[in-house]
Every structure is written in structure tokens, then in C-alpha cells.
């Protein structure tokens, strides 16, 4: 049966009250740690929090006055998104008591889950919502579904499906836990309400943090307007049509800067536009997730733009444990066995040197060792290429 029919039968949820405007600017912050897309990779996420000293062995906040920025896309693809959200919800409270802060930004997958676009939600993730309440809701929804398909068959003068066939069709469309998931992400649900309390964009000191990139036209609107409009859309107080949440040039979706090739020529060609974007946002730097790098943080445009989504989930060739640390004007990539200072420009002149530095502090990073092996082969350094390839085989 078509989804357009069955959507009519889903349980309706109450519309929430209008969202309260949240603070979006902080200054005088001594240390910031930014972490890109999690996508349910709970174990790697915990490892990053421990590597950066933000949680202790009991997963309690130990970061003091540090500001942690999680750049959105906590959920989807992986199996343990719910555990990640619960951890962040607790750390928000603990960090505040210690004088620190946990900022969880809205990403495009948070928005997708709010509105029911669930193509990337795994069966395992749905299953985490399969409790008694969800099962009762599921049975009620199936009863409505069965009534509807029989009504339609009568209207179209066709043979209605048997109850068993209708059940199979229903189960194919709605995995166990589906209805619990929808309750949790409804405007008044535990996670739907929590997401709406957050911002899509913030500024800490002179750095703007968002999930996706900024286009010139949306940067002209400013941070406050972006946050206000996206929250209204996710609350049902403004239409998604011609809105900001799913516009491909808006900060939840745009990739235009992160996809600029890592060559000096390309970066300098786009630098005037980047400077204008930063001027509009009253910032000197953008830090984003959303667009996956090849295993390491990527600085562009003289350190004015930093891509942090290195692929934390295991499906990205094993998953990677990398965070960005900002202390004053110094930017560091924090890896499992140490941290390295980021180059201002990452281009064809220094990219290979950068990969070698990353490999030294991230020996299990498959992407990096593969890129090194390829680079050594191109250079004709066959012994080093062999060593890099052997390192790949040694990685679990």
C-alpha cells in the first residue's frame, strides 16, 4: 500500500508552543573543542570526549570551563544515536555547573528526524525505541491502517488484502520502534523538544560554528535570523516551503566551501567571497561539519574555514576519533595518541607533510595510511609505500 495512504493513519501529535530564543554569542572563552558529525557512533564519540579531557572514566564532565561544540548530526546511520543524545543531555547540565558549556547544534539530520524523513535511520536505531508504549501505539496504528486499506479497496471496488497480507505490508513500512521514535521526535517529545531548544548557528569569540557552510546570501541575514527562522519552521510556526531548514544554500545543507579543492589556486580564487561571508557574520573563522573529509580535519582559506567531519561512524573505513581544539589563536587536531597544530593553508604544498603528522598520532586511521601509501608510490618512495601498506594490514 502506498505510503501516501498510510501517512493519513499515523498518530497525530500536539503542536508545541513557540520556541524561546536561545543565547547564540559567547566571548572570553579560553578553550573550545568542536566535534563533527556523530551519526550514532557512540564508542568513538566517547573516546573523543576522553581524548580531549572533557569526560572522565565514568563519563562525567571533567572539562572545567571548556566549551564543547557538537556540530550536529548526532543521529542516523549508526545504531546508538539515542545513547549519544542522552549523554549530551546529561553533559549539558554538568558542564554548566562547572562553568563550561555544551553546545549541541541543529544539523540537517536533526531536522529530518523532526519532520519524519527517515531514510537514513537504521533498523537498530528504531529498535531502541521499541518499548511497551510504542508497541501499543503500533497496534493502534495497524488497526487504523487495516481499516483504511479496506475502505480504499471498497471505494475502488477491488479485493481487499487479508489481515495477514496487510500486516506484512505494514511491517515492511514501519520497523519495530518506528512509532516510539516518532513520539520521541514530536515537538513535545523528549528529543524533539530538546532539539528545538538549540541553535543552528553560534559564535564563540571570533569563530562561527554551524553544521553546514555559509553561502553569501544567507550570511547577509545573520546568525540570529537563521536561528529564529529554523526554529519556527521546526515548530510548525513557519512553512518549510521557501524556508531555511531545507534550502540547499542555507547553513544546515550547504557544502559550497567545504568542497573547494585543497589547492592554493582554488582557495585564493574563492577567498574574497569567504572574507565577505565572515564580514557579514562579524567573525574571522567558520567551523563546520556536514561534508566528510578523508580522515583528517581540513583547514581552508588561510585558516578561515575548518571542516571537522572526519567520519566518526565505523562505516567510514573504521571510524575516526578526531576533534578540533581552539585555544586563543592556535588550532589543534586532537587524535587518539596526541594532537598536532593545524596549518593555516592546507594545499598541494604541505598536504603530504600534514598527513605524515596525522599518521604519527593516529596510527589506526585507515584513510590516512591509504593516502600516504598512494603518495609514496607517486613519489617513487617504494619502501615507505610498502611500510604504509603494511600498516594498513595491521589495523584492526
Protein backbone atom coordinates (compact mmCIF):
# COMPACT_ATOMS: atom_id res chain seq x y z
CA UNK A 1 0.00 0.00 0.00
CA UNK A 2 1.34 3.44 -0.86
CA UNK A 3 2.95 5.47 1.91
CA UNK A 4 0.73 8.42 0.96
CA UNK A 5 -2.23 6.36 2.17
CA UNK A 6 -0.67 5.13 5.37
CA UNK A 7 0.63 8.52 6.42
CA UNK A 8 -3.01 9.50 6.93
CA UNK A 9 -3.21 6.88 9.65
CA UNK A 10 -0.26 7.88 11.78
CA UNK A 11 -0.86 9.09 15.29
CA UNK A 12 -1.17 12.88 15.43
CA UNK A 13 0.95 14.80 17.91
CA UNK A 14 0.12 18.09 19.58
CA UNK A 15 1.76 21.23 18.21
CA UNK A 16 4.28 22.66 20.62
CA UNK A 17 4.41 26.21 21.85
CA UNK A 18 6.63 28.68 20.02
CA UNK A 19 10.34 28.19 20.81
CA UNK A 20 12.15 30.52 23.15
CA UNK A 21 15.11 32.39 21.65
CA UNK A 22 18.39 30.95 22.90
CA UNK A 23 21.66 32.72 23.51
CA UNK A 24 23.95 32.46 20.50
CA UNK A 25 27.07 34.52 21.34
CA UNK A 26 29.86 33.99 23.87
CA UNK A 27 33.12 35.86 24.35
CA UNK A 28 36.20 35.45 26.53
CA UNK A 29 36.14 31.65 26.22
CA UNK A 30 39.61 30.20 26.82
CA UNK A 31 39.22 26.76 25.23
CA UNK A 32 36.77 25.40 22.68
CA UNK A 33 36.52 21.80 21.48
CA UNK A 34 34.48 21.18 18.33
CA UNK A 35 33.33 17.71 17.28
CA UNK A 36 31.75 16.96 13.92
CA UNK A 37 29.03 14.55 12.87
CA UNK A 38 28.49 11.61 15.25
CA UNK A 39 25.83 9.56 13.42
CA UNK A 40 25.28 7.18 16.30
CA UNK A 41 28.97 6.23 16.72
CA UNK A 42 28.73 6.15 20.49
CA UNK A 43 32.01 4.39 21.29
CA UNK A 44 34.10 6.67 19.08
CA UNK A 45 32.25 9.71 20.40
CA UNK A 46 33.05 8.72 23.99
CA UNK A 47 36.69 8.11 23.03
CA UNK A 48 36.92 11.63 21.57
CA UNK A 49 35.41 13.16 24.70
CA UNK A 50 38.00 11.30 26.79
CA UNK A 51 40.90 12.13 24.45
CA UNK A 52 40.08 15.83 24.81
CA UNK A 53 39.73 15.60 28.60
CA UNK A 54 36.05 16.54 28.57
CA UNK A 55 34.83 13.44 30.41
CA UNK A 56 36.46 11.12 32.92
CA UNK A 57 36.40 7.33 33.12
CA UNK A 58 32.84 7.44 34.44
CA UNK A 59 31.76 9.71 31.58
CA UNK A 60 31.25 12.65 33.94
CA UNK A 61 32.14 16.16 32.78
CA UNK A 62 35.80 16.90 33.51
CA UNK A 63 36.32 19.74 31.02
CA UNK A 64 36.01 22.58 33.52
CA UNK A 65 35.28 25.84 31.70
CA UNK A 66 35.81 24.41 28.22
CA UNK A 67 33.06 24.97 25.68
CA UNK A 68 32.22 21.82 23.72
CA UNK A 69 30.52 22.39 20.38
CA UNK A 70 28.90 19.37 18.77
CA UNK A 71 28.20 20.44 15.20
CA UNK A 72 25.00 18.49 14.54
CA UNK A 73 24.03 15.15 13.01
CA UNK A 74 24.16 13.19 16.24
CA UNK A 75 21.72 10.71 14.75
CA UNK A 76 21.03 8.42 11.77
CA UNK A 77 23.10 5.76 10.01
CA UNK A 78 24.55 4.33 13.23
CA UNK A 79 22.86 2.26 15.91
CA UNK A 80 23.41 4.28 19.11
CA UNK A 81 22.14 7.76 18.41
CA UNK A 82 19.89 7.62 21.43
CA UNK A 83 22.79 6.88 23.75
CA UNK A 84 24.70 9.81 22.25
CA UNK A 85 21.80 12.18 22.82
CA UNK A 86 21.29 11.03 26.40
CA UNK A 87 24.99 11.55 27.12
CA UNK A 88 24.91 15.06 25.65
CA UNK A 89 21.78 15.94 27.59
CA UNK A 90 23.47 14.99 30.83
CA UNK A 91 26.75 16.71 29.97
CA UNK A 92 24.92 19.95 29.19
CA UNK A 93 23.87 20.15 32.83
CA UNK A 94 27.19 19.01 34.29
CA UNK A 95 29.26 21.41 32.17
CA UNK A 96 27.15 24.38 33.18
CA UNK A 97 27.67 23.62 36.86
CA UNK A 98 31.44 23.56 36.25
CA UNK A 99 31.45 26.88 34.39
CA UNK A 100 31.74 25.25 30.98
CA UNK A 101 29.21 24.76 28.23
CA UNK A 102 27.95 22.06 25.87
CA UNK A 103 26.51 23.46 22.64
CA UNK A 104 24.64 20.93 20.51
CA UNK A 105 23.81 22.46 17.14
CA UNK A 106 20.92 21.50 14.87
CA UNK A 107 22.12 19.59 11.81
CA UNK A 108 20.23 18.52 8.73
CA UNK A 109 19.63 15.05 10.21
CA UNK A 110 18.10 16.53 13.36
CA UNK A 111 15.71 18.45 11.10
CA UNK A 112 15.00 15.34 9.03
CA UNK A 113 14.12 13.31 12.11
CA UNK A 114 11.85 16.08 13.36
CA UNK A 115 9.79 16.07 10.16
CA UNK A 116 9.85 12.32 9.55
CA UNK A 117 12.43 11.97 6.75
CA UNK A 118 13.89 8.70 8.00
CA UNK A 119 15.65 7.14 5.01
CA UNK A 120 18.94 7.09 6.96
CA UNK A 121 17.54 5.77 10.23
CA UNK A 122 18.89 2.28 10.87
CA UNK A 123 16.82 -0.71 11.96
CA UNK A 124 18.92 -0.88 15.13
CA UNK A 125 18.18 2.75 15.92
CA UNK A 126 14.45 2.24 15.50
CA UNK A 127 14.68 -0.84 17.75
CA UNK A 128 15.98 1.27 20.64
CA UNK A 129 12.52 2.91 20.81
CA UNK A 130 10.56 -0.36 20.85
CA UNK A 131 9.08 -0.23 24.35
CA UNK A 132 5.61 -1.13 25.66
CA UNK A 133 4.16 2.30 24.91
CA UNK A 134 5.49 2.20 21.36
CA UNK A 135 4.12 -1.29 20.80
CA UNK A 136 0.64 -0.22 21.94
CA UNK A 137 0.79 2.78 19.61
CA UNK A 138 1.95 0.48 16.82
CA UNK A 139 -1.03 -1.86 17.25
CA UNK A 140 -3.42 1.06 17.25
CA UNK A 141 -1.80 2.40 14.08
CA UNK A 142 -2.09 -1.03 12.44
CA UNK A 143 -5.79 -1.13 13.22
CA UNK A 144 -6.22 2.28 11.57
CA UNK A 145 -4.12 1.10 8.63
CA UNK A 146 -6.23 -2.03 8.16
CA UNK A 147 -9.46 -0.01 8.25
CA UNK A 148 -8.09 2.43 5.70
CA UNK A 149 -6.86 -0.14 3.16
CA UNK A 150 -10.21 -1.96 3.38
CA UNK A 151 -12.08 1.31 2.93
CA UNK A 152 -9.98 2.17 -0.11
CA UNK A 153 -10.46 -1.29 -1.61
CA UNK A 154 -14.21 -0.85 -1.26
CA UNK A 155 -14.06 2.60 -2.88
CA UNK A 156 -12.02 1.23 -5.78
CA UNK A 157 -14.14 -1.95 -5.99
CA UNK A 158 -11.10 -4.21 -5.58
CA UNK A 159 -10.37 -7.22 -3.40
CA UNK A 160 -9.09 -6.07 0.00
CA UNK A 161 -5.87 -7.64 1.32
CA UNK A 162 -6.14 -10.24 4.04
CA UNK A 163 -5.23 -9.21 7.55
CA UNK A 164 -2.00 -11.21 7.26
CA UNK A 165 -1.05 -9.50 3.99
CA UNK A 166 -1.90 -6.09 5.42
CA UNK A 167 0.28 -6.87 8.44
CA UNK A 168 3.23 -7.80 6.21
CA UNK A 169 2.86 -4.58 4.22
CA UNK A 170 2.57 -2.55 7.41
CA UNK A 171 5.64 -4.19 8.97
CA UNK A 172 7.66 -3.56 5.81
CA UNK A 173 6.95 0.15 6.04
CA UNK A 174 7.22 0.64 9.79
CA UNK A 175 10.03 -1.13 11.60
CA UNK A 176 9.65 -2.14 15.26
CA UNK A 177 10.25 1.02 17.28
CA UNK A 178 9.13 3.34 14.47
CA UNK A 179 6.21 4.76 16.42
CA UNK A 180 8.23 5.19 19.59
CA UNK A 181 10.77 7.07 17.53
CA UNK A 182 8.09 9.38 16.12
CA UNK A 183 6.73 10.09 19.60
CA UNK A 184 10.22 10.91 20.88
CA UNK A 185 10.87 13.32 17.98
CA UNK A 186 7.48 15.01 18.05
CA UNK A 187 7.53 18.70 19.11
CA UNK A 188 6.69 17.75 22.69
CA UNK A 189 8.66 14.50 22.66
CA UNK A 190 11.86 14.06 24.64
CA UNK A 191 14.22 14.59 21.71
CA UNK A 192 12.02 16.78 19.54
CA UNK A 193 11.64 19.29 22.35
CA UNK A 194 15.36 19.11 23.16
CA UNK A 195 16.44 19.72 19.56
CA UNK A 196 14.20 22.78 19.31
CA UNK A 197 15.92 24.31 22.33
CA UNK A 198 19.19 24.50 20.40
CA UNK A 199 20.65 26.79 17.79
CA UNK A 200 21.64 26.15 14.21
CA UNK A 201 24.49 28.68 14.48
CA UNK A 202 26.52 30.22 17.30
CA UNK A 203 29.53 32.48 17.65
CA UNK A 204 32.19 31.90 20.31
CA UNK A 205 34.88 34.58 20.50
CA UNK A 206 35.53 35.29 16.81
CA UNK A 207 34.50 31.88 15.43
CA UNK A 208 31.11 30.94 13.97
CA UNK A 209 30.03 27.31 14.30
CA UNK A 210 27.37 25.68 12.12
CA UNK A 211 26.62 22.24 10.77
CA UNK A 212 26.95 23.20 7.11
CA UNK A 213 28.61 26.01 5.21
CA UNK A 214 27.51 29.60 4.80
CA UNK A 215 26.59 30.95 1.41
CA UNK A 216 26.97 34.65 0.75
CA UNK A 217 23.23 35.30 0.60
CA UNK A 218 22.44 33.55 3.90
CA UNK A 219 25.40 35.10 5.71
CA UNK A 220 23.86 38.51 4.95
CA UNK A 221 20.86 37.53 7.10
CA UNK A 222 22.99 36.94 10.18
CA UNK A 223 23.07 34.29 12.89
CA UNK A 224 20.08 35.47 14.88
CA UNK A 225 17.71 35.46 11.88
CA UNK A 226 18.88 31.99 10.78
CA UNK A 227 18.25 30.55 14.24
CA UNK A 228 14.89 32.25 14.58
CA UNK A 229 13.56 31.05 11.22
CA UNK A 230 14.76 27.45 11.52
CA UNK A 231 13.22 27.12 14.98
CA UNK A 232 9.93 28.50 13.68
CA UNK A 233 9.91 26.02 10.82
CA UNK A 234 10.69 23.06 13.09
CA UNK A 235 7.90 24.20 15.42
CA UNK A 236 5.31 24.43 12.67
CA UNK A 237 5.07 28.22 13.01
CA UNK A 238 6.57 28.85 9.56
CA UNK A 239 6.42 26.92 6.31
CA UNK A 240 9.31 24.82 5.04
CA UNK A 241 8.44 25.99 1.55
CA UNK A 242 10.85 28.80 0.68
CA UNK A 243 12.22 28.36 4.20
CA UNK A 244 15.72 27.95 5.60
CA UNK A 245 15.76 24.43 7.04
CA UNK A 246 15.99 22.51 3.78
CA UNK A 247 17.30 25.21 1.44
CA UNK A 248 20.46 23.84 -0.19
CA UNK A 249 22.21 27.20 0.24
CA UNK A 250 21.32 27.52 3.94
CA UNK A 251 23.63 26.57 6.84
CA UNK A 252 22.08 23.16 7.56
CA UNK A 253 22.56 21.94 3.99
CA UNK A 254 25.22 23.94 2.11
CA UNK A 255 28.59 22.39 1.20
CA UNK A 256 29.95 25.05 -1.15
CA UNK A 257 33.06 26.00 0.84
CA UNK A 258 34.00 22.54 2.14
CA UNK A 259 34.10 21.18 -1.39
CA UNK A 260 36.63 23.71 -2.69
CA UNK A 261 39.69 21.65 -3.77
CA UNK A 262 42.71 21.78 -1.49
CA UNK A 263 44.88 23.72 -3.92
CA UNK A 264 46.31 27.18 -3.31
CA UNK A 265 44.88 28.47 -6.61
CA UNK A 266 41.32 27.35 -5.89
CA UNK A 267 41.39 28.63 -2.32
CA UNK A 268 42.73 32.04 -3.29
CA UNK A 269 40.13 32.32 -6.06
CA UNK A 270 37.32 31.92 -3.52
CA UNK A 271 38.97 33.89 -0.72
CA UNK A 272 37.25 37.24 -1.46
CA UNK A 273 33.84 35.58 -1.08
CA UNK A 274 34.90 33.89 2.16
CA UNK A 275 36.09 37.22 3.55
CA UNK A 276 32.74 38.82 2.69
CA UNK A 277 30.87 35.99 4.41
CA UNK A 278 32.98 36.43 7.52
CA UNK A 279 32.43 40.20 7.46
CA UNK A 280 28.66 39.62 7.34
CA UNK A 281 28.92 37.31 10.34
CA UNK A 282 31.35 39.51 12.28
CA UNK A 283 33.78 36.60 12.54
CA UNK A 284 37.28 35.61 11.50
CA UNK A 285 36.66 31.88 11.14
CA UNK A 286 33.99 29.30 10.26
CA UNK A 287 33.94 25.81 11.78
CA UNK A 288 31.61 23.29 10.15
CA UNK A 289 30.73 19.61 9.85
CA UNK A 290 28.35 18.04 7.30
CA UNK A 291 30.84 17.39 4.48
CA UNK A 292 33.01 14.36 5.18
CA UNK A 293 36.77 14.76 4.83
CA UNK A 294 39.14 11.89 4.12
CA UNK A 295 40.11 11.12 7.70
CA UNK A 296 41.56 14.42 8.95
CA UNK A 297 40.45 17.97 9.76
CA UNK A 298 40.80 20.28 6.76
CA UNK A 299 41.65 23.99 7.15
CA UNK A 300 41.00 26.20 4.11
CA UNK A 301 41.39 29.84 3.10
CA UNK A 302 44.23 30.65 5.47
CA UNK A 303 42.55 29.11 8.50
CA UNK A 304 39.28 30.96 7.90
CA UNK A 305 37.30 27.76 7.34
CA UNK A 306 37.70 24.43 9.17
CA UNK A 307 35.99 21.17 8.15
CA UNK A 308 35.65 18.77 11.08
CA UNK A 309 33.51 15.87 9.85
CA UNK A 310 36.23 13.23 9.52
CA UNK A 311 33.82 10.27 9.50
CA UNK A 312 33.26 9.13 13.09
CA UNK A 313 30.93 6.24 12.30
CA UNK A 314 32.50 2.84 11.68
CA UNK A 315 31.15 2.63 8.14
CA UNK A 316 33.70 5.31 7.24
CA UNK A 317 36.56 2.80 6.96
CA UNK A 318 36.60 2.01 10.64
CA UNK A 319 35.52 5.35 12.02
CA UNK A 320 37.81 8.12 13.25
CA UNK A 321 38.33 9.80 16.60
CA UNK A 322 39.28 13.40 15.85
CA UNK A 323 38.32 16.73 17.40
CA UNK A 324 39.22 20.36 16.81
CA UNK A 325 40.66 22.29 19.74
CA UNK A 326 40.85 26.10 19.73
CA UNK A 327 42.96 27.86 22.35
CA UNK A 328 43.43 31.54 21.60
CA UNK A 329 44.64 31.77 18.01
CA UNK A 330 46.00 28.21 17.92
CA UNK A 331 44.03 25.42 16.27
CA UNK A 332 44.84 21.81 17.02
CA UNK A 333 43.67 18.49 15.67
CA UNK A 334 43.24 16.11 18.62
CA UNK A 335 43.81 12.46 17.69
CA UNK A 336 43.88 9.24 19.75
CA UNK A 337 47.63 9.41 20.51
CA UNK A 338 48.28 13.12 20.60
CA UNK A 339 47.47 16.40 18.92
CA UNK A 340 49.00 18.46 16.12
CA UNK A 341 48.74 22.11 15.27
CA UNK A 342 46.79 22.76 12.09
CA UNK A 343 48.38 24.54 9.14
CA UNK A 344 46.70 27.79 8.12
CA UNK A 345 46.61 26.73 4.50
CA UNK A 346 46.26 23.10 3.56
CA UNK A 347 47.19 22.73 -0.09
CA UNK A 348 49.33 20.77 -2.52
CA UNK A 349 52.49 22.20 -0.97
CA UNK A 350 52.02 20.83 2.54
CA UNK A 351 49.19 18.29 2.45
CA UNK A 352 51.51 15.28 2.39
CA UNK A 353 53.53 16.61 5.34
CA UNK A 354 50.28 17.13 7.22
CA UNK A 355 49.20 13.54 6.55
CA UNK A 356 52.50 12.28 7.94
CA UNK A 357 51.96 14.28 11.13
CA UNK A 358 48.43 12.92 11.46
CA UNK A 359 49.62 9.34 10.95
CA UNK A 360 52.08 9.72 13.83
CA UNK A 361 49.27 10.47 16.30
CA UNK A 362 46.54 8.41 14.63
CA UNK A 363 48.08 5.02 13.77
CA UNK A 364 44.71 3.29 13.23
CA UNK A 365 43.39 5.85 10.73
CA UNK A 366 42.87 3.78 7.58
CA UNK A 367 42.18 6.78 5.35
CA UNK A 368 45.41 8.50 6.28
CA UNK A 369 47.65 5.47 5.79
CA UNK A 370 45.98 4.72 2.46
CA UNK A 371 46.62 8.28 1.29
CA UNK A 372 50.22 8.07 2.45
CA UNK A 373 50.76 4.80 0.60
CA UNK A 374 49.38 6.36 -2.58
CA UNK A 375 51.56 9.42 -2.11
CA UNK A 376 54.74 7.40 -1.57
CA UNK A 377 54.02 5.40 -4.72
CA UNK A 378 53.59 8.59 -6.75
CA UNK A 379 56.89 9.87 -5.36
CA UNK A 380 58.65 6.63 -6.17
CA UNK A 381 59.43 6.02 -2.48
CA UNK A 382 58.57 2.33 -2.64
CA UNK A 383 59.99 1.24 0.72
CA UNK A 384 57.92 3.85 2.53
CA UNK A 385 54.88 2.86 0.43
CA UNK A 386 55.35 -0.74 1.50
CA UNK A 387 55.57 0.30 5.15
CA UNK A 388 52.36 2.31 4.84
CA UNK A 389 50.58 -0.62 3.18
CA UNK A 390 51.79 -2.98 5.91
CA UNK A 391 50.44 -0.52 8.46
CA UNK A 392 47.05 -0.79 6.76
CA UNK A 393 47.05 -4.57 7.14
CA UNK A 394 47.99 -4.24 10.80
CA UNK A 395 44.99 -2.01 11.57
CA UNK A 396 42.09 -3.90 13.13
